[in-house]
Protein backbone atom coordinates (compact mmCIF):
# COMPACT_ATOMS: atom_id res chain seq x y z
CA MET A 1 0.04 -0.09 0.39
CA ALA A 2 1.27 3.45 -0.97
CA PRO A 3 2.47 5.04 2.45
CA ARG A 4 0.84 8.41 3.70
CA ILE A 5 2.05 11.60 5.30
CA VAL A 6 0.00 14.31 6.29
CA VAL A 7 2.20 17.93 7.14
CA VAL A 8 0.82 20.51 9.32
CA GLY A 9 2.29 23.66 7.39
CA THR A 10 4.47 25.60 4.76
CA GLY A 11 7.23 26.97 6.89
CA PHE A 12 10.68 25.97 6.30
CA ALA A 13 10.59 23.01 8.46
CA SER A 14 7.77 21.33 6.54
CA ALA A 15 9.30 22.54 3.15
CA PHE A 16 12.36 20.95 4.03
CA PHE A 17 11.08 17.75 5.60
CA ILE A 18 9.35 17.39 2.47
CA HIS A 19 11.46 18.31 0.21
CA ARG A 20 13.97 15.41 1.75
CA ALA A 21 10.95 13.57 1.92
CA LEU A 22 9.87 13.41 -1.17
CA ARG A 23 13.78 12.11 -2.44
CA HIS A 24 13.52 8.88 -0.04
CA LEU A 25 9.30 7.92 -0.63
CA PRO A 26 8.15 5.63 -3.95
CA PRO A 27 6.17 7.04 -6.76
CA ASP A 28 2.83 6.05 -5.49
CA ALA A 29 3.46 7.94 -1.70
CA GLN A 30 1.02 10.62 -1.09
CA VAL A 31 1.64 13.39 0.96
CA ILE A 32 -1.29 15.63 2.00
CA VAL A 33 0.08 19.31 3.59
CA LEU A 34 -2.37 21.33 5.51
CA GLU A 35 -1.77 24.95 5.59
CA ALA A 36 -3.66 27.61 7.91
CA ALA A 37 -3.48 30.01 5.52
CA ALA A 38 -7.03 30.11 3.29
CA SER A 39 -4.40 31.31 0.11
CA LYS A 40 -0.39 31.27 -0.83
CA ASP A 41 -1.66 35.34 -0.15
CA GLY A 42 -3.39 35.65 2.69
CA GLN A 43 -2.35 35.51 5.77
CA LEU A 44 -3.27 34.91 9.80
CA GLU A 45 -2.80 37.34 12.18
CA PHE A 46 -0.81 35.37 15.58
CA THR A 47 -2.94 37.70 17.95
CA ALA A 48 -6.09 36.13 16.99
CA MET A 49 -5.57 31.97 17.33
CA VAL A 50 -3.82 32.71 20.69
CA ASP A 51 -4.49 33.99 23.98
CA ASN A 52 -1.41 35.96 25.78
CA ARG A 53 -1.67 35.07 29.21
CA THR A 54 1.91 37.58 29.51
CA PRO A 55 0.87 40.37 27.51
CA GLU A 56 4.22 42.06 29.02
CA LYS A 57 5.88 39.93 26.91
CA PRO A 58 4.68 40.11 22.87
CA TRP A 59 4.82 37.17 20.61
CA TYR A 60 5.49 38.07 16.95
CA HIS A 61 4.31 35.73 14.12
CA THR A 62 2.29 35.45 11.13
CA PHE A 63 0.87 32.35 9.49
CA GLN A 64 0.68 32.45 5.57
CA PHE A 65 2.10 30.04 2.98
CA GLY A 66 6.00 29.79 3.31
CA GLY A 67 6.11 30.78 6.71
CA SER A 68 6.16 33.61 8.92
CA ARG A 69 7.42 37.24 7.17
CA CYS A 70 9.51 37.88 10.75
CA TRP A 71 12.40 35.66 7.93
CA THR A 72 14.90 38.73 6.55
CA GLY A 73 17.68 36.04 5.87
CA ASN A 74 19.90 35.81 8.91
CA THR A 75 22.08 32.76 8.57
CA PRO A 76 24.87 32.49 11.16
CA ARG A 77 25.73 28.57 12.02
CA PRO A 78 24.80 27.89 15.85
CA HIS A 79 28.46 27.37 17.32
CA PRO A 80 29.37 25.03 18.11
CA THR A 81 29.73 25.42 22.24
CA ASP A 82 25.84 26.45 21.45
CA LEU A 83 24.80 22.75 21.44
CA ARG A 84 26.69 21.76 24.75
CA THR A 85 25.35 24.63 27.56
CA ARG A 86 24.48 21.70 30.00
CA SER A 87 27.89 20.26 29.47
CA LEU A 88 29.79 23.55 29.39
CA TYR A 89 28.22 25.64 31.11
CA GLY A 90 25.43 23.80 33.49
CA ARG A 91 22.70 25.96 31.36
CA ALA A 92 19.57 24.19 29.36
CA LEU A 93 19.67 20.78 28.23
CA ASP A 94 22.51 19.62 25.67
CA TRP A 95 21.44 18.62 22.25
CA PRO A 96 20.95 15.37 21.03
CA PHE A 97 24.09 15.20 18.35
CA SER A 98 27.13 16.86 18.49
CA TYR A 99 28.32 19.73 16.14
CA GLU A 100 29.99 17.61 14.44
CA SER A 101 28.19 15.60 12.97
CA PHE A 102 25.27 17.84 12.81
CA ASP A 103 27.39 19.72 9.73
CA PRO A 104 26.15 17.43 6.51
CA TRP A 105 22.45 18.69 7.12
CA LEU A 106 23.78 21.55 7.96
CA THR A 107 25.96 22.68 4.81
CA GLU A 108 23.03 20.45 2.21
CA ALA A 109 20.15 23.55 4.11
CA GLU A 110 23.07 26.34 3.66
CA HIS A 111 23.05 25.17 -0.66
CA LEU A 112 19.92 24.30 -1.05
CA MET A 113 19.17 28.42 0.41
CA GLY A 114 21.99 29.76 -1.54
CA ILE A 115 23.80 31.51 1.64
CA ALA A 116 26.59 33.67 0.98
CA GLY A 117 29.41 33.23 3.78
CA VAL A 118 32.86 32.82 4.43
CA GLU A 119 35.34 29.95 6.56
CA SER A 120 35.80 31.46 10.10
CA PRO A 121 37.40 29.39 13.00
CA GLU A 122 34.40 30.20 15.06
CA TYR A 123 32.18 27.72 13.16
CA PRO A 124 33.95 25.35 11.76
CA ARG A 125 32.68 23.37 8.13
CA SER A 126 33.65 20.77 6.57
CA GLN A 127 32.59 21.95 3.36
CA PRO A 128 32.64 26.16 2.13
CA TYR A 129 29.72 27.99 1.51
CA LYS A 130 28.27 27.67 -2.07
CA PHE A 131 28.80 31.56 -2.53
CA PRO A 132 31.37 33.90 -1.82
CA PRO A 133 30.19 36.46 1.57
CA HIS A 134 29.01 39.98 1.02
CA MET A 135 31.66 42.74 1.77
CA LEU A 136 32.29 44.03 5.12
CA SER A 137 31.54 47.65 5.72
CA SER A 138 34.74 50.06 7.13
CA PHE A 139 33.15 49.72 10.67
CA ASP A 140 33.07 45.96 10.36
CA GLU A 141 36.74 46.10 8.76
CA ALA A 142 37.78 47.66 11.94
CA ALA A 143 36.24 45.15 14.45
CA ALA A 144 37.78 42.15 12.46
CA GLN A 145 41.07 43.90 13.27
CA ALA A 146 40.80 44.18 16.61
CA TYR A 147 39.10 41.33 17.20
CA PRO A 148 40.63 38.45 14.87
CA GLY A 149 39.21 35.45 14.11
CA GLN A 150 36.61 36.40 15.74
CA VAL A 151 34.68 39.11 13.32
CA CYS A 152 33.21 38.30 9.63
CA PRO A 153 30.72 38.47 7.24
CA LEU A 154 27.33 38.38 8.33
CA PRO A 155 26.32 34.50 6.63
CA SER A 156 22.90 34.88 4.65
CA ALA A 157 19.98 33.68 2.37
CA ARG A 158 20.48 37.41 0.70
CA SER A 159 22.10 36.90 -2.82
CA SER A 160 26.05 37.86 -3.06
CA THR A 161 25.78 36.60 -6.68
CA PRO A 162 23.87 36.22 -9.92
CA GLU A 163 25.32 32.54 -9.63
CA ALA A 164 22.54 31.96 -6.91
CA GLY A 165 19.63 32.04 -9.25
CA ARG A 166 18.58 35.04 -7.79
CA ALA A 167 19.39 39.08 -7.89
CA PRO A 168 22.49 40.04 -5.59
CA CYS A 169 21.12 42.07 -2.68
CA CYS A 170 20.51 45.82 -3.05
CA THR A 171 21.32 46.59 0.40
CA ALA A 172 18.30 48.65 0.85
CA SER A 173 17.06 47.23 4.65
CA MET A 174 13.74 46.83 3.42
CA CYS A 175 14.77 42.75 4.02
CA SER A 176 11.04 41.65 5.42
CA ARG A 177 10.20 42.67 1.74
CA CYS A 178 12.60 42.29 -0.24
CA PRO A 179 12.88 44.59 -3.24
CA THR A 180 14.51 42.47 -5.51
CA LYS A 181 14.37 38.78 -4.61
CA ALA A 182 17.71 38.16 -2.91
CA LYS A 183 16.56 37.06 -0.14
CA PHE A 184 16.12 33.22 0.10
CA GLU A 185 11.96 32.42 0.59
CA VAL A 186 9.94 29.35 0.47
CA LYS A 187 7.65 30.72 -1.89
CA ALA A 188 9.58 32.34 -4.58
CA HIS A 189 12.52 30.53 -4.69
CA PHE A 190 11.20 26.45 -2.88
CA GLY A 191 7.52 26.28 -4.23
CA ARG A 192 8.20 23.65 -6.53
CA VAL A 193 8.56 21.30 -3.40
CA PHE A 194 5.03 21.80 -3.21
CA ASP A 195 4.78 21.29 -7.27
CA ASP A 196 5.24 17.43 -6.88
CA PRO A 197 2.65 15.36 -8.37
CA ARG A 198 2.75 13.54 -4.50
CA ILE A 199 1.58 16.43 -2.76
CA SER A 200 -2.11 17.17 -2.34
CA LEU A 201 -2.17 20.98 -0.64
CA GLN A 202 -4.81 22.01 1.58
CA PHE A 203 -5.81 25.77 2.41
CA GLY A 204 -7.13 27.49 5.20
CA ALA A 205 -6.68 24.14 6.85
CA ILE A 206 -6.44 24.23 10.75
CA ALA A 207 -4.96 21.64 12.25
CA LYS A 208 -6.13 20.56 16.30
CA ARG A 209 -5.10 17.36 17.17
CA VAL A 210 -3.44 13.94 15.84
CA LEU A 211 -5.42 11.13 15.56
CA LEU A 212 -4.15 7.93 18.18
CA ARG A 213 -3.92 4.61 17.70
CA GLY A 214 -2.57 2.81 20.40
CA ARG A 215 1.09 4.51 20.59
CA SER A 216 1.00 5.08 16.67
CA ALA A 217 -0.18 8.46 14.70
CA ALA A 218 -2.66 7.58 12.92
CA GLY A 219 -3.90 10.77 11.00
CA VAL A 220 -4.68 14.56 12.33
CA GLU A 221 -8.36 16.16 12.39
CA TYR A 222 -8.00 19.41 11.56
CA LEU A 223 -10.36 22.81 10.78
CA ASP A 224 -11.73 23.20 7.13
CA GLN A 225 -12.41 26.75 5.77
CA GLU A 226 -16.03 26.68 6.81
CA GLY A 227 -15.11 25.52 10.15
CA GLN A 228 -16.35 21.86 9.77
CA LEU A 229 -13.72 19.46 11.24
CA ARG A 230 -12.33 16.48 9.09
CA ARG A 231 -9.67 13.92 9.16
CA GLU A 232 -6.84 13.32 7.27
CA GLY A 233 -5.36 9.63 7.87
CA ALA A 234 -1.94 8.95 7.95
CA ASP A 235 1.08 6.55 8.46
CA VAL A 236 3.31 9.37 9.19
CA VAL A 237 2.39 12.71 10.34
CA ALA A 238 4.65 15.73 10.61
CA LEU A 239 3.81 18.71 12.34
CA GLY A 240 5.25 21.69 10.94
CA ALA A 241 3.19 25.17 12.67
CA ASN A 242 5.49 26.61 15.08
CA ALA A 243 6.47 26.42 19.41
CA ILE A 244 3.41 27.21 20.01
CA HIS A 245 0.87 25.75 17.73
CA ASN A 246 2.75 22.09 17.45
CA PRO A 247 2.65 21.56 21.36
CA ALA A 248 -0.95 22.35 21.55
CA ILE A 249 -1.09 20.13 18.61
CA VAL A 250 -0.16 17.19 21.21
CA ILE A 251 -1.80 18.42 24.08
CA ARG A 252 -5.06 18.43 22.78
CA SER A 253 -4.12 14.86 21.35
CA GLY A 254 -4.10 13.00 24.59
CA LEU A 255 -0.28 12.86 24.93
CA SER A 256 0.92 14.28 27.89
CA HIS A 257 4.99 14.82 29.07
CA ASP A 258 6.89 17.10 31.59
CA ALA A 259 8.82 19.09 29.14
CA LEU A 260 5.47 19.51 26.60
CA GLY A 261 4.33 23.52 25.97
CA GLY A 262 7.48 24.05 28.55
CA TYR A 263 10.17 26.11 28.27
CA LEU A 264 8.97 28.81 25.88
CA SER A 265 11.71 31.18 24.51
CA GLU A 266 12.98 33.09 22.46
CA GLN A 267 16.64 35.51 22.32
CA CYS A 268 16.94 39.04 23.20
CA GLY A 269 18.17 41.24 21.37
CA ILE A 270 19.49 45.08 22.42
CA ASP A 271 20.25 47.84 20.77
CA VAL A 272 23.37 50.18 20.27
CA LYS A 273 24.38 53.50 18.14
CA MET A 274 28.05 54.46 18.03
CA GLU A 275 29.06 57.25 17.46
CA LEU A 276 32.27 56.95 15.57
CA ASP A 277 35.75 59.07 15.36
CA GLY A 278 37.18 59.85 12.51
CA LEU A 279 36.16 56.74 10.45
CA GLU A 280 33.05 56.55 8.27
CA THR A 281 30.89 53.33 7.00
CA LEU A 282 28.10 52.49 5.43
CA ASP A 283 29.92 50.92 2.67
CA GLY A 284 28.82 46.80 3.86
CA GLY A 285 27.53 44.68 1.14
CA GLN A 286 24.04 43.71 2.75
CA GLN A 287 21.77 44.48 5.76
CA VAL A 288 23.50 43.28 8.49
CA SER A 289 27.01 42.86 7.17
CA GLY A 290 29.17 41.63 9.81
CA LEU A 291 28.97 39.18 12.95
CA GLY A 292 30.70 39.10 16.11
CA THR A 293 31.77 36.58 18.67
CA MET A 294 33.80 37.79 20.59
CA PHE A 295 31.18 38.53 23.54
CA LEU A 296 29.86 34.69 22.81
CA ASP A 297 31.97 31.86 24.67
CA HIS A 298 32.88 34.50 27.33
CA PRO A 299 35.20 33.61 29.98
CA ARG A 300 32.00 34.31 32.78
CA ARG A 301 29.46 32.40 30.62
CA ALA A 302 28.19 30.17 32.99
CA GLU A 303 26.99 33.17 35.55
CA ALA A 304 26.07 35.18 32.69
CA ALA A 305 24.73 34.52 28.87
CA GLY A 306 27.24 35.83 25.80
CA ALA A 307 25.88 37.33 22.77
CA ILE A 308 27.00 37.51 19.32
CA LEU A 309 27.04 40.78 17.76
CA GLU A 310 25.15 41.86 14.21
CA PHE A 311 26.82 45.02 12.52
CA TRP A 312 24.37 46.96 10.77
CA ASN A 313 24.78 48.67 7.53
CA ALA A 314 22.52 50.86 8.16
CA PRO A 315 21.43 54.69 8.19
CA TRP A 316 20.07 55.36 12.08
CA LEU A 317 16.83 57.18 11.80
CA GLY A 318 16.63 60.72 12.65
CA ALA A 319 19.85 60.88 12.55
CA VAL A 320 22.09 64.32 11.07
CA ARG A 321 21.64 63.77 7.69
CA SER A 322 25.53 65.02 7.00
CA ARG A 323 26.74 62.43 9.55
CA TRP A 324 25.14 59.77 8.53
CA ARG A 325 28.35 58.09 7.90
CA SER A 326 30.14 59.06 10.84
CA ARG A 327 27.28 56.74 13.05
CA ALA A 328 27.29 53.04 13.29
CA PHE A 329 24.50 50.30 14.39
CA MET A 330 25.02 47.10 16.78
CA LYS A 331 22.59 44.61 17.62
CA VAL A 332 23.23 42.69 20.83
CA VAL A 333 21.76 39.25 20.53
CA TYR A 334 22.00 37.45 23.50
CA GLU A 335 20.74 33.71 24.69
CA THR A 336 18.71 32.91 26.54
CA GLU A 337 17.84 29.55 29.18
CA PRO A 338 14.37 27.85 28.72
CA HIS A 339 12.14 27.61 31.63
CA ALA A 340 10.03 25.33 32.25
CA ALA A 341 7.52 27.86 33.55
CA ASN A 342 7.33 29.57 30.86
CA ARG A 343 4.84 27.36 28.45
CA VAL A 344 2.21 26.79 26.15
CA GLY A 345 -1.25 25.36 27.19
CA VAL A 346 -4.87 24.41 25.45
CA ASP A 347 -7.77 25.90 27.83
CA ALA A 348 -9.92 22.68 29.04
CA VAL A 349 -13.31 25.11 28.28
CA SER A 350 -12.82 26.96 25.21
CA ASP A 351 -9.82 25.20 23.47
CA ARG A 352 -8.12 28.06 22.60
CA VAL A 353 -4.00 28.34 23.14
CA PHE A 354 -2.53 30.34 25.77
CA VAL A 355 0.71 31.64 26.17
CA GLU A 356 2.43 32.20 29.48
CA HIS A 357 5.99 33.46 30.23
CA THR A 358 6.15 34.47 34.41
CA VAL A 359 9.68 33.47 34.37
CA ALA A 360 12.67 36.29 34.06
CA ASP A 361 15.73 34.38 32.92
CA PRO A 362 18.33 35.32 35.49
CA TRP A 363 21.02 33.93 33.19
CA LEU A 364 20.10 37.14 30.12
CA ARG A 365 20.34 39.41 33.21
CA ALA A 366 23.72 38.47 33.87
CA GLY A 367 24.20 38.78 30.28
CA ARG A 368 23.28 41.97 30.55
CA ARG A 369 24.93 43.37 32.84
CA GLU A 370 27.94 42.33 31.08
CA LEU A 371 27.64 44.44 28.36
CA GLU A 372 28.64 47.86 29.39
CA GLY A 373 32.10 46.09 30.02
CA TRP A 374 31.64 44.61 26.54
CA LEU A 375 31.18 48.47 25.40
CA GLU A 376 34.39 49.05 27.09
CA ASP A 377 36.30 47.00 25.39
CA MET A 378 35.27 47.53 22.30
CA ARG A 379 35.54 51.96 22.82
CA SER A 380 39.12 50.86 24.07
CA LYS A 381 39.89 49.06 20.45
CA LEU A 382 37.36 50.42 17.22
CA PRO A 383 37.42 54.26 17.53
CA ILE A 384 34.14 54.68 18.72
CA ALA A 385 33.58 58.58 20.91
CA ARG A 386 30.30 57.22 22.30
CA THR A 387 28.14 54.54 22.41
CA HIS A 388 23.74 54.57 23.47
CA THR A 389 22.17 52.08 24.41
CA ALA A 390 18.26 51.13 25.17
CA GLU A 391 19.08 51.71 28.79
CA ASP A 392 20.01 55.04 28.05
CA GLN A 393 18.11 57.76 29.39
CA ASP A 394 18.61 60.21 26.34
CA PRO A 395 15.25 59.83 23.89
CA LYS A 396 16.90 60.89 22.12
CA TRP A 397 19.08 57.66 21.82
CA ILE A 398 16.84 55.58 23.04
CA GLU A 399 15.53 52.19 21.60
CA ILE A 400 13.50 49.25 22.89
CA GLY A 401 15.42 46.22 24.36
CA ARG A 402 13.04 43.82 22.66
CA SER A 403 12.91 39.68 22.18
CA GLU A 404 14.16 38.39 18.84
CA PRO A 405 10.40 37.01 17.09
CA HIS A 406 12.18 33.76 17.01
CA ILE A 407 9.91 31.72 19.03
CA GLN A 408 11.84 27.99 20.63
CA GLY A 409 10.99 25.35 23.13
CA THR A 410 8.46 23.57 24.10
CA ALA A 411 8.80 19.60 22.27
CA ARG A 412 12.57 19.94 23.03
CA MET A 413 15.08 17.07 21.88
CA SER A 414 16.55 15.04 24.38
CA LEU A 415 18.34 11.59 24.51
CA GLU A 416 16.68 10.36 27.49
CA PRO A 417 12.64 10.31 26.85
CA ASP A 418 12.71 11.57 30.43
CA GLU A 419 14.22 14.81 29.59
CA GLY A 420 12.20 15.68 26.20
CA VAL A 421 9.19 15.44 24.14
CA VAL A 422 11.37 13.58 20.76
CA ASP A 423 14.66 11.92 20.11
CA ALA A 424 17.33 13.44 18.18
CA ASN A 425 15.46 13.04 14.56
CA LEU A 426 12.41 15.15 15.75
CA VAL A 427 10.45 11.68 16.73
CA HIS A 428 8.29 11.79 19.46
CA HIS A 429 9.73 9.38 22.03
CA GLY A 430 6.37 7.26 22.48
CA VAL A 431 5.12 7.91 19.39
CA ARG A 432 7.44 6.27 16.17
CA ASN A 433 5.52 7.82 13.53
CA LEU A 434 5.11 11.49 15.06
CA ALA A 435 7.55 13.92 14.07
CA ILE A 436 7.26 17.77 15.63
CA LEU A 437 9.83 19.60 13.21
CA GLY A 438 10.57 23.22 13.69
CA ALA A 439 12.70 25.17 16.67
CA SER A 440 10.18 23.37 18.96
CA ALA A 441 12.09 20.78 19.52
CA PHE A 442 15.40 23.01 20.34
CA PRO A 443 16.61 22.10 24.30
CA SER A 444 18.57 25.76 24.16
CA CYS A 445 17.94 28.54 22.86
CA PRO A 446 21.41 29.85 21.02
CA ALA A 447 22.19 33.28 19.86
CA ALA A 448 22.08 32.12 16.13
CA ASN A 449 18.98 32.87 14.30
CA PRO A 450 17.05 29.66 13.88
CA THR A 451 16.25 29.42 10.43
CA LEU A 452 19.28 27.24 9.37
CA LEU A 453 19.35 25.57 12.49
CA LEU A 454 15.34 24.20 12.06
CA SER A 455 15.61 23.43 8.18
CA ALA A 456 19.03 20.85 9.08
CA LEU A 457 17.02 19.60 11.45
CA SER A 458 14.06 18.68 9.32
CA LEU A 459 16.06 17.02 6.47
CA LYS A 460 17.50 15.11 9.51
CA ALA A 461 14.17 14.54 10.24
CA ALA A 462 13.16 13.09 6.69
CA ASP A 463 16.22 11.10 6.63
CA GLY A 464 15.70 9.85 10.01
CA LEU A 465 11.98 8.84 8.84
CA PHE A 466 12.12 7.73 5.29
CA ALA A 467 16.00 6.89 4.54
């Protein structure tokens, strides 16, 4: 009998899973894809589908074909230490595989996205990037000289050359809605995955629960565009919604685990504006031109969270026009430690998904206290006259420090079933034909943007299930 697979969602996690699964599946396989948006151009706002019980902590997401519009194309790898934070620093949970063993899937995802980058001693790799890096700005070049081996062009899915099959990045700093289609997007550049004749794509389908037969997944129950409950039977189910809706679907299915729905997390980004002394910049090759790792694996990391630095190649809004190029902008993106009490749940009466984020991360707070020392170190080595952060009181300079829109955790991976929900191939520990894709599987919250990582995990998951 032909295998039948039901996949929830059409974002990066689902698209990369389907891409690799189709390589292994026979010609008569059936792949039913359930997408919540009503059409390829439709959108569903996150706030309409989720009750936020701690509104002081906002969550940003939009449901649409191909994934959330929060994607801007930044694709640094996780640092090798990011996968071992419990072993090295006593924080979070180690990933159930090594950085080195995961390299083949990271490399494959980078090649599929056409990522532009350069080798860095901070991020070992088995193969070079397929496309050359974007140009560093003058400020990035100065930082690279001040911190040898710890500043490089930011790897990104924004094209650096027409050889990637897309127009090169125009550096217009409009990456959320790339005007030249230089940025890799599922809808624009990977949509062929959904054109395979084995695939049936159903829009306006809101997945509610996984149908279980004993300890096996038998299909998915969903609401169609008319609000009617429907069912699709399956031999394998893969959930690729996001880190809030994936656990909600599993909870509704009657499965439980101490970690299911818990450990909801995001990185934290702090904006820093810098007045330069005798240096003009804004001459880099993309919106975020440089990546700094000098404060990620710092000596006090066990006590204080580390961070990567994003050097932005964009002018400040409101800056004096004649001095635009004498100012630089940087984002300090912190890792965080997930906490079990920060969670996703389903209301027993209304059946509505809710989120609660009640525990502030002391590791992050300690990391933020390190920031002034880090900035002082940069001022001593670089032509920086003054820095202005979110904590400054002068309203002319203030920027709101904010969380990055990268929702993670809630169905974390683990070697041992008692510590997590899914295994190293994203397969549920107890239901062996149910995969939970995406950043919901992350057992820690690295500072790196999650899209490359979750896409590579989907390739690995499909190989584990079907190879």
